[in-house]
Every structure is written in C-alpha cells, then in structure tokens.
Protein backbone atom coordinates (compact mmCIF):
# COMPACT_ATOMS: atom_id res chain seq x y z
CA MET A 1 5.76 -2.57 -93.09
CA PRO A 2 6.57 -5.27 -90.46
CA PHE A 3 5.74 -2.49 -87.40
CA LYS A 4 4.28 1.09 -87.08
CA ASN A 5 6.73 2.40 -84.31
CA ARG A 6 8.84 1.84 -81.95
CA SER A 7 6.01 0.91 -79.79
CA ASP A 8 4.48 -1.56 -81.73
CA ALA A 9 7.77 -2.27 -82.11
CA GLY A 10 8.21 -2.60 -78.30
CA ARG A 11 5.02 -4.89 -77.93
CA LYS A 12 6.18 -7.31 -80.66
CA LEU A 13 9.58 -8.01 -79.12
CA ALA A 14 8.01 -8.59 -75.54
CA LYS A 15 5.89 -10.61 -76.97
CA ALA A 16 8.62 -13.14 -77.91
CA LEU A 17 10.65 -12.37 -74.56
CA ALA A 18 7.55 -13.75 -72.27
CA GLY A 19 9.79 -16.66 -71.29
CA TYR A 20 11.88 -14.41 -70.00
CA LYS A 21 9.30 -13.10 -67.05
CA GLU A 22 10.21 -15.44 -64.33
CA GLN A 23 13.42 -14.94 -64.63
CA GLN A 24 13.09 -11.14 -63.41
CA PRO A 25 15.48 -10.14 -66.25
CA VAL A 26 16.77 -6.52 -66.33
CA ILE A 27 16.28 -4.44 -69.77
CA LEU A 28 19.33 -2.30 -71.29
CA ALA A 29 17.66 0.20 -73.80
CA LEU A 30 20.14 1.87 -76.25
CA PRO A 31 19.20 5.15 -76.20
CA ARG A 32 16.96 6.85 -77.85
CA GLY A 33 15.10 4.34 -80.49
CA GLY A 34 16.19 1.67 -78.42
CA VAL A 35 14.62 3.43 -75.49
CA THR A 36 10.54 3.43 -76.51
CA VAL A 37 10.61 -0.22 -77.76
CA ALA A 38 11.65 -1.38 -74.52
CA ALA A 39 9.56 0.28 -72.98
CA GLU A 40 7.50 -2.09 -73.55
CA VAL A 41 9.31 -4.78 -73.03
CA ALA A 42 9.93 -4.28 -69.70
CA ALA A 43 6.27 -3.08 -69.15
CA VAL A 44 4.91 -6.44 -70.30
CA LEU A 45 7.97 -8.18 -67.73
CA ASN A 46 7.26 -6.91 -64.98
CA ALA A 47 11.66 -5.72 -64.86
CA PRO A 48 13.46 -2.82 -64.53
CA LEU A 49 14.55 -0.65 -67.17
CA ASP A 50 17.97 1.31 -67.55
CA LEU A 51 19.80 2.72 -70.39
CA ILE A 52 23.31 1.14 -71.78
CA LEU A 53 25.14 4.43 -73.29
CA VAL A 54 26.63 3.40 -76.80
CA ARG A 55 28.13 6.00 -79.62
CA LYS A 56 29.34 4.69 -82.57
CA VAL A 57 33.00 6.35 -83.51
CA GLY A 58 31.72 7.50 -87.65
CA VAL A 59 34.75 8.33 -90.03
CA PRO A 60 35.31 11.62 -90.47
CA PHE A 61 34.67 12.13 -93.67
CA GLN A 62 31.86 9.98 -93.52
CA PRO A 63 30.07 10.12 -90.16
CA GLU A 64 27.48 6.94 -90.77
CA LEU A 65 30.62 4.80 -91.58
CA ALA A 66 31.40 3.38 -88.18
CA MET A 67 34.91 2.85 -87.84
CA GLY A 68 33.67 1.67 -84.04
CA ALA A 69 31.71 2.72 -81.01
CA VAL A 70 32.08 3.48 -77.53
CA VAL A 71 30.36 2.35 -74.25
CA ASP A 72 30.21 4.06 -70.98
CA GLY A 73 31.21 2.49 -68.02
CA GLY A 74 33.82 2.68 -65.00
CA ALA A 75 36.28 1.08 -68.01
CA PRO A 76 35.39 2.60 -71.54
CA ILE A 77 34.99 -0.17 -74.24
CA ILE A 78 36.25 1.28 -77.25
CA VAL A 79 35.07 -1.24 -80.30
CA ARG A 80 37.45 -1.56 -83.68
CA ASN A 81 36.64 -1.92 -87.02
CA GLU A 82 39.86 -2.54 -88.49
CA ASP A 83 38.77 -2.70 -91.62
CA VAL A 84 36.50 0.68 -91.42
CA ILE A 85 40.28 2.34 -90.56
CA ARG A 86 42.55 0.73 -92.51
CA LEU A 87 40.47 1.00 -95.76
CA ALA A 88 39.63 5.69 -94.29
CA ASN A 89 43.81 5.94 -93.45
CA ILE A 90 42.30 6.90 -89.84
CA ASP A 91 46.14 7.09 -88.12
CA GLU A 92 45.10 5.93 -84.24
CA SER A 93 45.61 9.84 -83.17
CA GLU A 94 42.61 10.82 -84.85
CA PHE A 95 40.39 7.49 -83.84
CA LYS A 96 41.45 8.55 -80.40
CA GLY A 97 40.24 12.16 -80.71
CA ILE A 98 37.26 11.30 -82.36
CA CYS A 99 36.19 8.26 -79.35
CA ASP A 100 37.64 11.36 -76.92
CA SER A 101 34.39 13.50 -78.27
CA GLU A 102 32.09 10.48 -78.71
CA LEU A 103 33.07 9.60 -74.82
CA ALA A 104 32.16 13.02 -73.34
CA GLU A 105 29.67 13.27 -75.56
CA ILE A 106 27.80 9.77 -73.32
CA GLU A 107 28.90 11.65 -70.26
CA ARG A 108 26.79 14.48 -71.58
CA ARG A 109 24.19 12.26 -72.47
CA ARG A 110 24.08 10.19 -68.96
CA GLN A 111 23.90 13.51 -67.16
CA ARG A 112 20.81 14.41 -68.54
CA TYR A 113 18.95 10.74 -69.62
CA LEU A 114 19.36 9.57 -65.89
CA GLY A 115 21.73 12.43 -63.11
CA SER A 116 22.28 11.26 -60.13
CA ARG A 117 19.94 7.79 -60.53
CA GLN A 118 22.69 4.86 -59.75
CA ARG A 119 22.64 2.20 -62.88
CA ALA A 120 20.89 -1.24 -62.64
CA ASP A 121 23.22 -4.15 -60.91
CA VAL A 122 22.77 -6.73 -63.62
CA SER A 123 25.50 -9.43 -61.80
CA GLY A 124 24.40 -12.93 -61.82
CA ARG A 125 21.39 -11.55 -63.38
CA THR A 126 19.47 -12.14 -66.88
CA ALA A 127 20.43 -9.24 -68.77
CA ILE A 128 18.03 -7.95 -71.89
CA VAL A 129 19.61 -5.84 -74.18
CA VAL A 130 17.31 -3.87 -76.45
CA ASP A 131 17.34 -1.71 -79.48
CA ASP A 132 15.23 -0.32 -82.37
CA GLY A 133 17.12 -2.14 -85.07
CA ILE A 134 20.92 -3.03 -86.29
CA ALA A 135 22.66 -1.59 -89.27
CA THR A 136 26.35 -2.81 -89.46
CA GLY A 137 26.26 -3.78 -85.88
CA ALA A 138 29.23 -1.96 -84.33
CA THR A 139 27.21 -0.08 -81.50
CA THR A 140 25.28 -3.17 -80.23
CA ARG A 141 28.67 -5.64 -80.34
CA ALA A 142 30.14 -2.60 -77.63
CA ALA A 143 27.13 -2.71 -75.82
CA LEU A 144 26.91 -6.14 -75.26
CA ARG A 145 31.00 -6.45 -75.06
CA ALA A 146 30.18 -3.54 -72.04
CA THR A 147 27.24 -5.54 -70.22
CA ARG A 148 28.93 -9.43 -70.19
CA ILE A 149 31.84 -7.96 -68.12
CA ARG A 150 29.09 -6.49 -66.01
CA ASN A 151 28.25 -10.29 -65.35
CA PRO A 152 24.69 -10.77 -66.09
CA LYS A 153 23.89 -15.03 -65.49
CA LYS A 154 22.68 -14.66 -69.27
CA LEU A 155 23.22 -12.06 -71.74
CA VAL A 156 19.91 -11.30 -74.14
CA LEU A 157 20.16 -9.46 -77.87
CA ALA A 158 16.36 -8.52 -78.49
CA VAL A 159 15.91 -6.18 -81.86
CA PRO A 160 12.53 -6.08 -84.41
CA VAL A 161 15.61 -5.66 -86.91
CA ALA A 162 18.48 -6.44 -88.93
CA PRO A 163 20.68 -7.43 -91.42
CA THR A 164 20.66 -11.01 -91.81
CA ASP A 165 24.50 -11.55 -91.71
CA THR A 166 24.97 -8.57 -88.52
CA VAL A 167 22.66 -11.13 -86.54
CA ALA A 168 24.70 -14.51 -87.73
CA GLU A 169 27.53 -12.88 -86.45
CA LEU A 170 26.72 -11.68 -83.22
CA ARG A 171 25.73 -15.00 -81.77
CA SER A 172 29.11 -15.07 -80.47
CA GLU A 173 28.52 -12.12 -78.67
CA ALA A 174 25.82 -13.53 -76.92
CA ASP A 175 23.58 -15.62 -74.97
CA GLU A 176 20.29 -15.40 -77.16
CA VAL A 177 19.29 -13.82 -79.74
CA ILE A 178 16.14 -12.62 -80.37
CA CYS A 179 15.01 -10.77 -84.05
CA LEU A 180 11.48 -10.71 -85.08
CA GLU A 181 13.08 -9.72 -89.11
CA ASP A 182 16.51 -10.48 -90.85
CA HIS A 183 16.53 -9.77 -93.89
CA GLU A 184 19.53 -10.85 -96.51
CA PHE A 185 19.42 -6.81 -98.19
CA PHE A 186 18.58 -5.03 -95.32
CA GLY A 187 18.66 -0.82 -96.52
CA ALA A 188 18.10 1.26 -93.82
CA ILE A 189 16.00 0.25 -90.62
CA GLY A 190 13.89 3.39 -91.22
CA THR A 191 12.59 1.13 -93.91
CA TYR A 192 10.68 -1.26 -91.94
CA TYR A 193 8.95 1.32 -89.75
CA ALA A 194 5.81 3.13 -91.04
CA ASP A 195 6.60 5.65 -87.82
CA PHE A 196 10.02 6.48 -87.49
CA SER A 197 10.59 9.59 -86.10
CA GLN A 198 13.09 10.96 -84.03
CA VAL A 199 13.66 10.02 -80.11
CA SER A 200 13.64 13.35 -78.59
CA ASP A 201 15.69 13.44 -75.51
CA GLU A 202 12.69 14.53 -73.33
CA THR A 203 10.53 11.24 -74.01
CA VAL A 204 13.67 9.73 -72.93
CA ILE A 205 13.43 11.13 -69.46
CA ASP A 206 9.97 10.90 -69.19
CA ILE A 207 10.08 6.77 -69.85
CA LEU A 208 12.46 6.66 -67.77
CA LYS A 209 9.69 8.31 -64.90
CA ARG A 210 8.27 5.35 -65.21
CA PHE A 211 10.59 2.91 -64.47
CA PRO A 212 12.29 4.84 -61.10
CA PHE A 213 15.09 3.62 -58.99
CA GLN A 214 12.87 2.46 -56.09
CA LYS A 215 12.16 -0.60 -58.46
CA LEU A 216 15.65 -1.56 -58.80
CA LYS A 217 16.23 -1.56 -55.65
CA ASP A 218 12.89 -3.82 -55.33
CA ALA A 219 14.19 -5.96 -58.57
CA ARG A 220 17.24 -7.24 -56.54
CA GLN A 221 15.47 -7.72 -52.87
CA ALA A 222 13.64 -9.73 -54.54
CA THR A 223 16.36 -12.33 -55.96
CA ALA A 224 18.02 -11.90 -52.94
C-alpha cells in the first residue's frame, strides 16, 4: 500500500507542497476524509485550514455513480455529468430534487463543523484544495470551480492518489495539480491505504479546533 493511513498520505503530500510555504497559502479540505490529509499539509506549511463543502449528486438507483456535484457558497455551484444524466434517464425535476437534498446536507455539515466561524479569504492568495483521493472527479471539479470564483491568485489541487485520466482532465480546472500516485487502472481509493477507516464528524471538528479562525485572520494580516 502506498499510504499507511490518511495522516501518512498528508505528510507525504506536505513534502511535495513544501515549495508553497513561502507563498502563505490557504488550505481548503474536502470533508471528511480530506480533512485528516489537509491537517498534515496545513501544519507543515504553517497555513490556515478551512473546509470546502461538496456533495456528490448520485443516481437514485446507484448512489455511488455521480451524475453531478454541488458546492456551498454565496451562490451554490452545481456541476453536471450530462453523460450519466442521459444514460440514467434522469429528468430535470428529479435532478433538482436530489441537488436540493444534498445542499441541505451541506448546510447541516456547515453548521456542525463550522458554526459561526467565518470562511478563509482566498482572494489574491494561493489556494490549495486537498482531498484523500479522487475517483470520478465530479466533486473535485465542483470544488475547484467554486474556489476559482473566489479569485485566488493561484489554484492548486493536491491529492495522494487518483486515476490517470481524471488527473489529466482536472489540469484544466487548476493552475497546478499535485498527485503522488496516479494509476490507469484505478479501482477504489481505499485500496491504496492500509487503513482507510471512516472519518467521523467529531474528528473533523477536533482538527478544525487546531486551526482556529484567529489564525486565519493573522494570516490575512501578514499578507496585507
């Protein structure tokens, strides 16, 4: 296995991102698994850590198959996978209903994880989007597009492992893609980890407490 667990993957990813430390980046993690990876990156780069909340829009009769993704924000971003929508014969009202359900789950998670905590300001800064791996790329693409709208100076995607073709596709969405392991015949993300245990809400909350909003504010002042 390339990675013992998500923390191990995060430490290895942090080494590959070491050159960004002087740019004082903001780390944006996709919960829940991406938060454990991103925490290691944020610690090594001495960077603020925030969440970017994304939900896959799954086909009703096969939820693991993504027909799109939604991201929270002032105006939610919806990314559609038209090929899957057409093949699954999903009409517009059904697609919208599932999107609305996933947006409600995003709001629930935002309140649970972040409460009244303000978002990190990425405008004019290097934003590094981190997850524990990529499968179809739908949620990652949505996260990158939502982050791009926030006007970062540079947008970087950093993941431990992903399919080769998906990495190639996502290079058009980010200014740079850092992927430690890419494989043509991929399978599931968990097969590349010795321990790929589910990350709990409580773990996400505990990690965020290590990177309080005060640090986000101090980082903005340091670059002012």
